PDB file of N, CA and C in Angstrom:
ATOM      1  N   UNK A   1     -15.997  -1.281  -3.692  1.00  0.00           N
ATOM      2  CA  UNK A   1     -15.301  -2.547  -3.770  1.00  0.00           C
ATOM      3  C   UNK A   1     -15.247  -3.012  -5.223  1.00  0.00           C
ATOM      4  N   UNK A   2     -14.144  -3.618  -5.556  1.00  0.00           N
ATOM      5  CA  UNK A   2     -14.005  -4.178  -6.901  1.00  0.00           C
ATOM      6  C   UNK A   2     -14.472  -5.633  -6.894  1.00  0.00           C
ATOM      7  N   UNK A   3     -14.816  -6.114  -8.048  1.00  0.00           N
ATOM      8  CA  UNK A   3     -15.219  -7.508  -8.185  1.00  0.00           C
ATOM      9  C   UNK A   3     -14.029  -8.417  -7.881  1.00  0.00           C
ATOM     10  N   UNK A   4     -14.317  -9.606  -7.387  1.00  0.00           N
ATOM     11  CA  UNK A   4     -13.253 -10.564  -7.075  1.00  0.00           C
ATOM     12  C   UNK A   4     -12.418 -10.902  -8.313  1.00  0.00           C
ATOM     13  N   UNK A   5     -13.059 -10.956  -9.478  1.00  0.00           N
ATOM     14  CA  UNK A   5     -12.309 -11.280 -10.699  1.00  0.00           C
ATOM     15  C   UNK A   5     -11.309 -10.182 -11.036  1.00  0.00           C
ATOM     16  N   UNK A   6     -11.668  -8.926 -10.801  1.00  0.00           N
ATOM     17  CA  UNK A   6     -10.750  -7.802 -11.036  1.00  0.00           C
ATOM     18  C   UNK A   6      -9.586  -7.888 -10.059  1.00  0.00           C
ATOM     19  N   UNK A   7      -9.885  -8.154  -8.799  1.00  0.00           N
ATOM     20  CA  UNK A   7      -8.843  -8.323  -7.779  1.00  0.00           C
ATOM     21  C   UNK A   7      -7.889  -9.431  -8.189  1.00  0.00           C
ATOM     22  N   UNK A   8      -8.449 -10.571  -8.580  1.00  0.00           N
ATOM     23  CA  UNK A   8      -7.624 -11.725  -8.940  1.00  0.00           C
ATOM     24  C   UNK A   8      -6.758 -11.445 -10.170  1.00  0.00           C
ATOM     25  N   UNK A   9      -7.305 -10.761 -11.160  1.00  0.00           N
ATOM     26  CA  UNK A   9      -6.545 -10.421 -12.363  1.00  0.00           C
ATOM     27  C   UNK A   9      -5.430  -9.429 -12.037  1.00  0.00           C
ATOM     28  N   UNK A  10      -5.711  -8.494 -11.152  1.00  0.00           N
ATOM     29  CA  UNK A  10      -4.713  -7.503 -10.759  1.00  0.00           C
ATOM     30  C   UNK A  10      -3.541  -8.170 -10.059  1.00  0.00           C
ATOM     31  N   UNK A  11      -3.822  -9.056  -9.117  1.00  0.00           N
ATOM     32  CA  UNK A  11      -2.737  -9.739  -8.411  1.00  0.00           C
ATOM     33  C   UNK A  11      -2.009 -10.732  -9.319  1.00  0.00           C
ATOM     34  N   UNK A  12      -2.711 -11.345 -10.255  1.00  0.00           N
ATOM     35  CA  UNK A  12      -2.041 -12.236 -11.212  1.00  0.00           C
ATOM     36  C   UNK A  12      -1.035 -11.451 -12.046  1.00  0.00           C
ATOM     37  N   UNK A  13      -1.416 -10.256 -12.456  1.00  0.00           N
ATOM     38  CA  UNK A  13      -0.493  -9.400 -13.218  1.00  0.00           C
ATOM     39  C   UNK A  13       0.709  -8.999 -12.368  1.00  0.00           C
ATOM     40  N   UNK A  14       0.492  -8.711 -11.088  1.00  0.00           N
ATOM     41  CA  UNK A  14       1.591  -8.333 -10.201  1.00  0.00           C
ATOM     42  C   UNK A  14       2.567  -9.495  -9.999  1.00  0.00           C
ATOM     43  N   UNK A  15       2.048 -10.721 -10.048  1.00  0.00           N
ATOM     44  CA  UNK A  15       2.910 -11.881  -9.848  1.00  0.00           C
ATOM     45  C   UNK A  15       3.824 -12.151 -11.042  1.00  0.00           C
ATOM     46  N   UNK A  16       3.627 -11.427 -12.136  1.00  0.00           N
ATOM     47  CA  UNK A  16       4.548 -11.551 -13.269  1.00  0.00           C
ATOM     48  C   UNK A  16       5.920 -10.970 -12.924  1.00  0.00           C
ATOM     49  N   UNK A  17       5.962 -10.115 -11.908  1.00  0.00           N
ATOM     50  CA  UNK A  17       7.243  -9.631 -11.394  1.00  0.00           C
ATOM     51  C   UNK A  17       7.748 -10.676 -10.405  1.00  0.00           C
ATOM     52  N   UNK A  18       8.897 -11.242 -10.664  1.00  0.00           N
ATOM     53  CA  UNK A  18       9.416 -12.326  -9.828  1.00  0.00           C
ATOM     54  C   UNK A  18       9.523 -11.951  -8.361  1.00  0.00           C
ATOM     55  N   UNK A  19       9.879 -10.717  -8.060  1.00  0.00           N
ATOM     56  CA  UNK A  19      10.028 -10.302  -6.662  1.00  0.00           C
ATOM     57  C   UNK A  19       8.720 -10.396  -5.885  1.00  0.00           C
ATOM     58  N   UNK A  20       7.591 -10.295  -6.566  1.00  0.00           N
ATOM     59  CA  UNK A  20       6.298 -10.373  -5.898  1.00  0.00           C
ATOM     60  C   UNK A  20       5.860 -11.812  -5.637  1.00  0.00           C
ATOM     61  N   UNK A  21       6.649 -12.774  -6.088  1.00  0.00           N
ATOM     62  CA  UNK A  21       6.342 -14.193  -5.875  1.00  0.00           C
ATOM     63  C   UNK A  21       7.003 -14.763  -4.633  1.00  0.00           C
ATOM     64  N   UNK A  22       7.659 -13.901  -3.862  1.00  0.00           N
ATOM     65  CA  UNK A  22       8.246 -14.314  -2.591  1.00  0.00           C
ATOM     66  C   UNK A  22       7.847 -13.312  -1.519  1.00  0.00           C
ATOM     67  N   UNK A  23       7.783 -13.769  -0.291  1.00  0.00           N
ATOM     68  CA  UNK A  23       7.476 -12.888   0.833  1.00  0.00           C
ATOM     69  C   UNK A  23       8.623 -11.900   0.997  1.00  0.00           C
ATOM     70  N   UNK A  24       8.298 -10.634   1.138  1.00  0.00           N
ATOM     71  CA  UNK A  24       9.303  -9.578   1.286  1.00  0.00           C
ATOM     72  C   UNK A  24      10.153  -9.777   2.538  1.00  0.00           C
ATOM     73  N   UNK A  25       9.584 -10.371   3.580  1.00  0.00           N
ATOM     74  CA  UNK A  25      10.294 -10.505   4.853  1.00  0.00           C
ATOM     75  C   UNK A  25      11.107 -11.788   4.968  1.00  0.00           C
ATOM     76  N   UNK A  26      10.528 -12.922   4.572  1.00  0.00           N
ATOM     77  CA  UNK A  26      11.209 -14.213   4.826  1.00  0.00           C
ATOM     78  C   UNK A  26      11.522 -14.999   3.562  1.00  0.00           C
ATOM     79  N   UNK A  27      11.066 -14.525   2.414  1.00  0.00           N
ATOM     80  CA  UNK A  27      11.335 -15.124   1.106  1.00  0.00           C
ATOM     81  C   UNK A  27      10.648 -16.465   0.860  1.00  0.00           C
ATOM     82  N   UNK A  28       9.563 -16.765   1.614  1.00  0.00           N
ATOM     83  CA  UNK A  28       8.756 -17.945   1.287  1.00  0.00           C
ATOM     84  C   UNK A  28       8.082 -17.705  -0.059  1.00  0.00           C
ATOM     85  N   UNK A  29       7.872 -18.769  -0.815  1.00  0.00           N
ATOM     86  CA  UNK A  29       7.281 -18.657  -2.141  1.00  0.00           C
ATOM     87  C   UNK A  29       5.764 -18.502  -2.078  1.00  0.00           C
ATOM     88  N   UNK A  30       5.220 -17.869  -3.107  1.00  0.00           N
ATOM     89  CA  UNK A  30       3.782 -17.713  -3.332  1.00  0.00           C
ATOM     90  C   UNK A  30       3.035 -17.038  -2.177  1.00  0.00           C
ATOM     91  N   UNK A  31       3.427 -15.831  -1.807  1.00  0.00           N
ATOM     92  CA  UNK A  31       2.708 -15.139  -0.739  1.00  0.00           C
ATOM     93  C   UNK A  31       1.282 -14.801  -1.162  1.00  0.00           C
ATOM     94  N   UNK A  32       0.365 -14.936  -0.237  1.00  0.00           N
ATOM     95  CA  UNK A  32      -1.054 -14.673  -0.514  1.00  0.00           C
ATOM     96  C   UNK A  32      -1.606 -13.532   0.340  1.00  0.00           C
ATOM     97  N   UNK A  33      -0.723 -12.736   0.919  1.00  0.00           N
ATOM     98  CA  UNK A  33      -1.113 -11.612   1.755  1.00  0.00           C
ATOM     99  C   UNK A  33      -0.346 -10.382   1.301  1.00  0.00           C
ATOM    100  N   UNK A  34      -0.844  -9.215   1.664  1.00  0.00           N
ATOM    101  CA  UNK A  34      -0.190  -7.984   1.244  1.00  0.00           C
ATOM    102  C   UNK A  34      -0.363  -6.897   2.296  1.00  0.00           C
ATOM    103  N   UNK A  35       0.639  -6.048   2.401  1.00  0.00           N
ATOM    104  CA  UNK A  35       0.547  -4.842   3.212  1.00  0.00           C
ATOM    105  C   UNK A  35       0.246  -3.696   2.264  1.00  0.00           C
ATOM    106  N   UNK A  36      -0.950  -3.161   2.367  1.00  0.00           N
ATOM    107  CA  UNK A  36      -1.383  -2.117   1.442  1.00  0.00           C
ATOM    108  C   UNK A  36      -0.545  -0.860   1.612  1.00  0.00           C
ATOM    109  N   UNK A  37      -0.320  -0.421   2.849  1.00  0.00           N
ATOM    110  CA  UNK A  37       0.450   0.800   3.079  1.00  0.00           C
ATOM    111  C   UNK A  37       1.864   0.698   2.548  1.00  0.00           C
ATOM    112  N   UNK A  38       2.451  -0.483   2.624  1.00  0.00           N
ATOM    113  CA  UNK A  38       3.824  -0.670   2.168  1.00  0.00           C
ATOM    114  C   UNK A  38       3.896  -1.144   0.715  1.00  0.00           C
ATOM    115  N   UNK A  39       2.796  -1.668   0.193  1.00  0.00           N
ATOM    116  CA  UNK A  39       2.755  -2.138  -1.189  1.00  0.00           C
ATOM    117  C   UNK A  39       3.579  -3.393  -1.416  1.00  0.00           C
ATOM    118  N   UNK A  40       3.656  -4.265  -0.402  1.00  0.00           N
ATOM    119  CA  UNK A  40       4.494  -5.460  -0.498  1.00  0.00           C
ATOM    120  C   UNK A  40       3.677  -6.733  -0.294  1.00  0.00           C
ATOM    121  N   UNK A  41       4.238  -7.830  -0.754  1.00  0.00           N
ATOM    122  CA  UNK A  41       3.599  -9.138  -0.674  1.00  0.00           C
ATOM    123  C   UNK A  41       4.209  -9.932   0.473  1.00  0.00           C
ATOM    124  N   UNK A  42       3.340 -10.615   1.241  1.00  0.00           N
ATOM    125  CA  UNK A  42       3.752 -11.311   2.461  1.00  0.00           C
ATOM    126  C   UNK A  42       3.180 -12.722   2.523  1.00  0.00           C
ATOM    127  N   UNK A  43       3.902 -13.613   3.219  1.00  0.00           N
ATOM    128  CA  UNK A  43       3.353 -14.937   3.516  1.00  0.00           C
ATOM    129  C   UNK A  43       2.407 -14.796   4.718  1.00  0.00           C
ATOM    130  N   UNK A  44       1.677 -15.831   5.028  1.00  0.00           N
ATOM    131  CA  UNK A  44       0.709 -15.771   6.124  1.00  0.00           C
ATOM    132  C   UNK A  44       1.385 -15.535   7.476  1.00  0.00           C
ATOM    133  N   UNK A  45       2.568 -16.116   7.673  1.00  0.00           N
ATOM    134  CA  UNK A  45       3.267 -15.932   8.952  1.00  0.00           C
ATOM    135  C   UNK A  45       3.707 -14.484   9.140  1.00  0.00           C
ATOM    136  N   UNK A  46       4.290 -13.911   8.107  1.00  0.00           N
ATOM    137  CA  UNK A  46       4.757 -12.531   8.208  1.00  0.00           C
ATOM    138  C   UNK A  46       3.579 -11.546   8.230  1.00  0.00           C
ATOM    139  N   UNK A  47       2.476 -11.912   7.574  1.00  0.00           N
ATOM    140  CA  UNK A  47       1.280 -11.072   7.623  1.00  0.00           C
ATOM    141  C   UNK A  47       0.786 -10.955   9.063  1.00  0.00           C
ATOM    142  N   UNK A  48       0.853 -12.063   9.808  1.00  0.00           N
ATOM    143  CA  UNK A  48       0.470 -12.037  11.220  1.00  0.00           C
ATOM    144  C   UNK A  48       1.342 -11.094  12.022  1.00  0.00           C
ATOM    145  N   UNK A  49       2.625 -11.084  11.726  1.00  0.00           N
ATOM    146  CA  UNK A  49       3.538 -10.172  12.416  1.00  0.00           C
ATOM    147  C   UNK A  49       3.223  -8.727  12.064  1.00  0.00           C
ATOM    148  N   UNK A  50       2.933  -8.477  10.798  1.00  0.00           N
ATOM    149  CA  UNK A  50       2.607  -7.114  10.373  1.00  0.00           C
ATOM    150  C   UNK A  50       1.315  -6.629  11.028  1.00  0.00           C
ATOM    151  N   UNK A  51       0.376  -7.516  11.244  1.00  0.00           N
ATOM    152  CA  UNK A  51      -0.878  -7.127  11.906  1.00  0.00           C
ATOM    153  C   UNK A  51      -0.616  -6.649  13.327  1.00  0.00           C
ATOM    154  N   UNK A  52       0.412  -7.175  13.962  1.00  0.00           N
ATOM    155  CA  UNK A  52       0.760  -6.739  15.313  1.00  0.00           C
ATOM    156  C   UNK A  52       1.261  -5.293  15.329  1.00  0.00           C
ATOM    157  N   UNK A  53       1.777  -4.813  14.196  1.00  0.00           N
ATOM    158  CA  UNK A  53       2.265  -3.429  14.121  1.00  0.00           C
ATOM    159  C   UNK A  53       1.116  -2.427  14.162  1.00  0.00           C
ATOM    160  N   UNK A  54      -0.082  -2.889  13.809  1.00  0.00           N
ATOM    161  CA  UNK A  54      -1.258  -2.023  13.763  1.00  0.00           C
ATOM    162  C   UNK A  54      -1.475  -1.470  12.361  1.00  0.00           C
ATOM    163  N   UNK A  55      -2.730  -1.187  12.041  1.00  0.00           N
ATOM    164  CA  UNK A  55      -3.085  -0.765  10.687  1.00  0.00           C
ATOM    165  C   UNK A  55      -2.499   0.591  10.312  1.00  0.00           C
ATOM    166  N   UNK A  56      -2.107   1.374  11.281  1.00  0.00           N
ATOM    167  CA  UNK A  56      -1.501   2.665  10.963  1.00  0.00           C
ATOM    168  C   UNK A  56      -0.134   2.490  10.298  1.00  0.00           C
ATOM    169  N   UNK A  57       0.521   1.352  10.558  1.00  0.00           N
ATOM    170  CA  UNK A  57       1.850   1.097   9.994  1.00  0.00           C
ATOM    171  C   UNK A  57       1.818   0.097   8.846  1.00  0.00           C
ATOM    172  N   UNK A  58       1.007  -0.937   8.955  1.00  0.00           N
ATOM    173  CA  UNK A  58       0.968  -1.986   7.941  1.00  0.00           C
ATOM    174  C   UNK A  58      -0.426  -2.594   7.893  1.00  0.00           C
ATOM    175  N   UNK A  59      -1.230  -2.125   6.948  1.00  0.00           N
ATOM    176  CA  UNK A  59      -2.600  -2.612   6.789  1.00  0.00           C
ATOM    177  C   UNK A  59      -2.564  -3.861   5.906  1.00  0.00           C
ATOM    178  N   UNK A  60      -2.832  -5.024   6.498  1.00  0.00           N
ATOM    179  CA  UNK A  60      -2.658  -6.314   5.842  1.00  0.00           C
ATOM    180  C   UNK A  60      -4.006  -6.905   5.411  1.00  0.00           C
ATOM    181  N   UNK A  61      -4.020  -7.438   4.178  1.00  0.00           N
ATOM    182  CA  UNK A  61      -5.205  -8.119   3.659  1.00  0.00           C
ATOM    183  C   UNK A  61      -4.775  -9.336   2.857  1.00  0.00           C
ATOM    184  N   UNK A  62      -5.678 -10.289   2.748  1.00  0.00           N
ATOM    185  CA  UNK A  62      -5.456 -11.448   1.893  1.00  0.00           C
ATOM    186  C   UNK A  62      -5.638 -11.038   0.433  1.00  0.00           C
ATOM    187  N   UNK A  63      -4.766 -11.526  -0.426  1.00  0.00           N
ATOM    188  CA  UNK A  63      -4.878 -11.181  -1.848  1.00  0.00           C
ATOM    189  C   UNK A  63      -5.969 -11.977  -2.557  1.00  0.00           C
ATOM    190  N   UNK A  64      -6.461 -13.021  -1.919  1.00  0.00           N
ATOM    191  CA  UNK A  64      -7.482 -13.828  -2.598  1.00  0.00           C
ATOM    192  C   UNK A  64      -8.754 -14.069  -1.776  1.00  0.00           C
ATOM    193  N   UNK A  65      -8.787 -13.629  -0.526  1.00  0.00           N
ATOM    194  CA  UNK A  65      -9.976 -13.847   0.301  1.00  0.00           C
ATOM    195  C   UNK A  65     -10.714 -12.556   0.644  1.00  0.00           C
ATOM    196  N   UNK A  66      -9.977 -11.477   0.842  1.00  0.00           N
ATOM    197  CA  UNK A  66     -10.584 -10.210   1.275  1.00  0.00           C
ATOM    198  C   UNK A  66     -11.093  -9.389   0.096  1.00  0.00           C
ATOM    199  N   UNK A  67     -12.005  -8.494   0.401  1.00  0.00           N
ATOM    200  CA  UNK A  67     -12.499  -7.529  -0.576  1.00  0.00           C
ATOM    201  C   UNK A  67     -11.515  -6.367  -0.652  1.00  0.00           C
ATOM    202  N   UNK A  68     -11.306  -5.847  -1.850  1.00  0.00           N
ATOM    203  CA  UNK A  68     -10.388  -4.732  -2.086  1.00  0.00           C
ATOM    204  C   UNK A  68     -11.139  -3.625  -2.814  1.00  0.00           C
ATOM    205  N   UNK A  69     -10.729  -2.380  -2.549  1.00  0.00           N
ATOM    206  CA  UNK A  69     -11.281  -1.278  -3.321  1.00  0.00           C
ATOM    207  C   UNK A  69     -10.237  -0.793  -4.328  1.00  0.00           C
ATOM    208  N   UNK A  70     -10.634   0.100  -5.212  1.00  0.00           N
ATOM    209  CA  UNK A  70      -9.746   0.567  -6.282  1.00  0.00           C
ATOM    210  C   UNK A  70      -8.494   1.243  -5.729  1.00  0.00           C
ATOM    211  N   UNK A  71      -8.653   2.046  -4.708  1.00  0.00           N
ATOM    212  CA  UNK A  71      -7.512   2.764  -4.127  1.00  0.00           C
ATOM    213  C   UNK A  71      -6.488   1.784  -3.545  1.00  0.00           C
ATOM    214  N   UNK A  72      -6.954   0.766  -2.864  1.00  0.00           N
ATOM    215  CA  UNK A  72      -6.056  -0.227  -2.280  1.00  0.00           C
ATOM    216  C   UNK A  72      -5.290  -0.976  -3.368  1.00  0.00           C
ATOM    217  N   UNK A  73      -5.980  -1.353  -4.439  1.00  0.00           N
ATOM    218  CA  UNK A  73      -5.299  -2.033  -5.538  1.00  0.00           C
ATOM    219  C   UNK A  73      -4.278  -1.120  -6.204  1.00  0.00           C
ATOM    220  N   UNK A  74      -4.605   0.157  -6.297  1.00  0.00           N
ATOM    221  CA  UNK A  74      -3.671   1.118  -6.878  1.00  0.00           C
ATOM    222  C   UNK A  74      -2.405   1.227  -6.031  1.00  0.00           C
ATOM    223  N   UNK A  75      -2.543   1.255  -4.706  1.00  0.00           N
ATOM    224  CA  UNK A  75      -1.381   1.272  -3.815  1.00  0.00           C
ATOM    225  C   UNK A  75      -0.491   0.063  -4.105  1.00  0.00           C
ATOM    226  N   UNK A  76      -1.105  -1.095  -4.278  1.00  0.00           N
ATOM    227  CA  UNK A  76      -0.320  -2.311  -4.536  1.00  0.00           C
ATOM    228  C   UNK A  76       0.335  -2.259  -5.913  1.00  0.00           C
ATOM    229  N   UNK A  77      -0.359  -1.726  -6.893  1.00  0.00           N
ATOM    230  CA  UNK A  77       0.217  -1.629  -8.233  1.00  0.00           C
ATOM    231  C   UNK A  77       1.382  -0.644  -8.280  1.00  0.00           C
ATOM    232  N   UNK A  78       1.312   0.405  -7.510  1.00  0.00           N
ATOM    233  CA  UNK A  78       2.396   1.401  -7.465  1.00  0.00           C
ATOM    234  C   UNK A  78       3.591   0.889  -6.667  1.00  0.00           C
ATOM    235  N   UNK A  79       3.342   0.011  -5.722  1.00  0.00           N
ATOM    236  CA  UNK A  79       4.417  -0.566  -4.927  1.00  0.00           C
ATOM    237  C   UNK A  79       4.851  -1.893  -5.522  1.00  0.00           C
ATOM    238  N   UNK A  80       5.729  -2.546  -4.873  1.00  0.00           N
ATOM    239  CA  UNK A  80       6.154  -3.912  -5.237  1.00  0.00           C
ATOM    240  C   UNK A  80       7.273  -4.292  -4.269  1.00  0.00           C
ATOM    241  N   UNK A  81       7.548  -5.568  -4.193  1.00  0.00           N
ATOM    242  CA  UNK A  81       8.652  -5.998  -3.349  1.00  0.00           C
ATOM    243  C   UNK A  81       9.966  -5.412  -3.841  1.00  0.00           C
ATOM    244  N   UNK A  82      10.146  -5.338  -5.156  1.00  0.00           N
ATOM    245  CA  UNK A  82      11.399  -4.807  -5.714  1.00  0.00           C
ATOM    246  C   UNK A  82      11.589  -3.340  -5.332  1.00  0.00           C
ATOM    247  N   UNK A  83      10.544  -2.561  -5.365  1.00  0.00           N
ATOM    248  CA  UNK A  83      10.648  -1.141  -5.016  1.00  0.00           C
ATOM    249  C   UNK A  83      10.891  -0.936  -3.534  1.00  0.00           C
ATOM    250  N   UNK A  84      10.428  -1.864  -2.725  1.00  0.00           N
ATOM    251  CA  UNK A  84      10.557  -1.731  -1.277  1.00  0.00           C
ATOM    252  C   UNK A  84      11.965  -2.076  -0.788  1.00  0.00           C
ATOM    253  N   UNK A  85      12.700  -2.832  -1.578  1.00  0.00           N
ATOM    254  CA  UNK A  85      14.030  -3.264  -1.141  1.00  0.00           C
ATOM    255  C   UNK A  85      15.074  -2.209  -1.323  1.00  0.00           C
TER     256      UNK A  85
END
């Protein structure tokens, strides 16, 4: 697991891309959730929907509450809302 400060700095850097400042599904501002497998940023409502798909399709975590490991952060850094569209 990475330190919370590393997680927070990583997501702050990702938010410099404007596309990552909106939910990929509904375009709500300031999403605080992410689908690791898809590498996209989600609002809390859409994160709930993604959880219904099951972790095999969309593994969802909070960007500021959950613990992240290096591999998971790398998936998010390689992905982005812009790349997913």
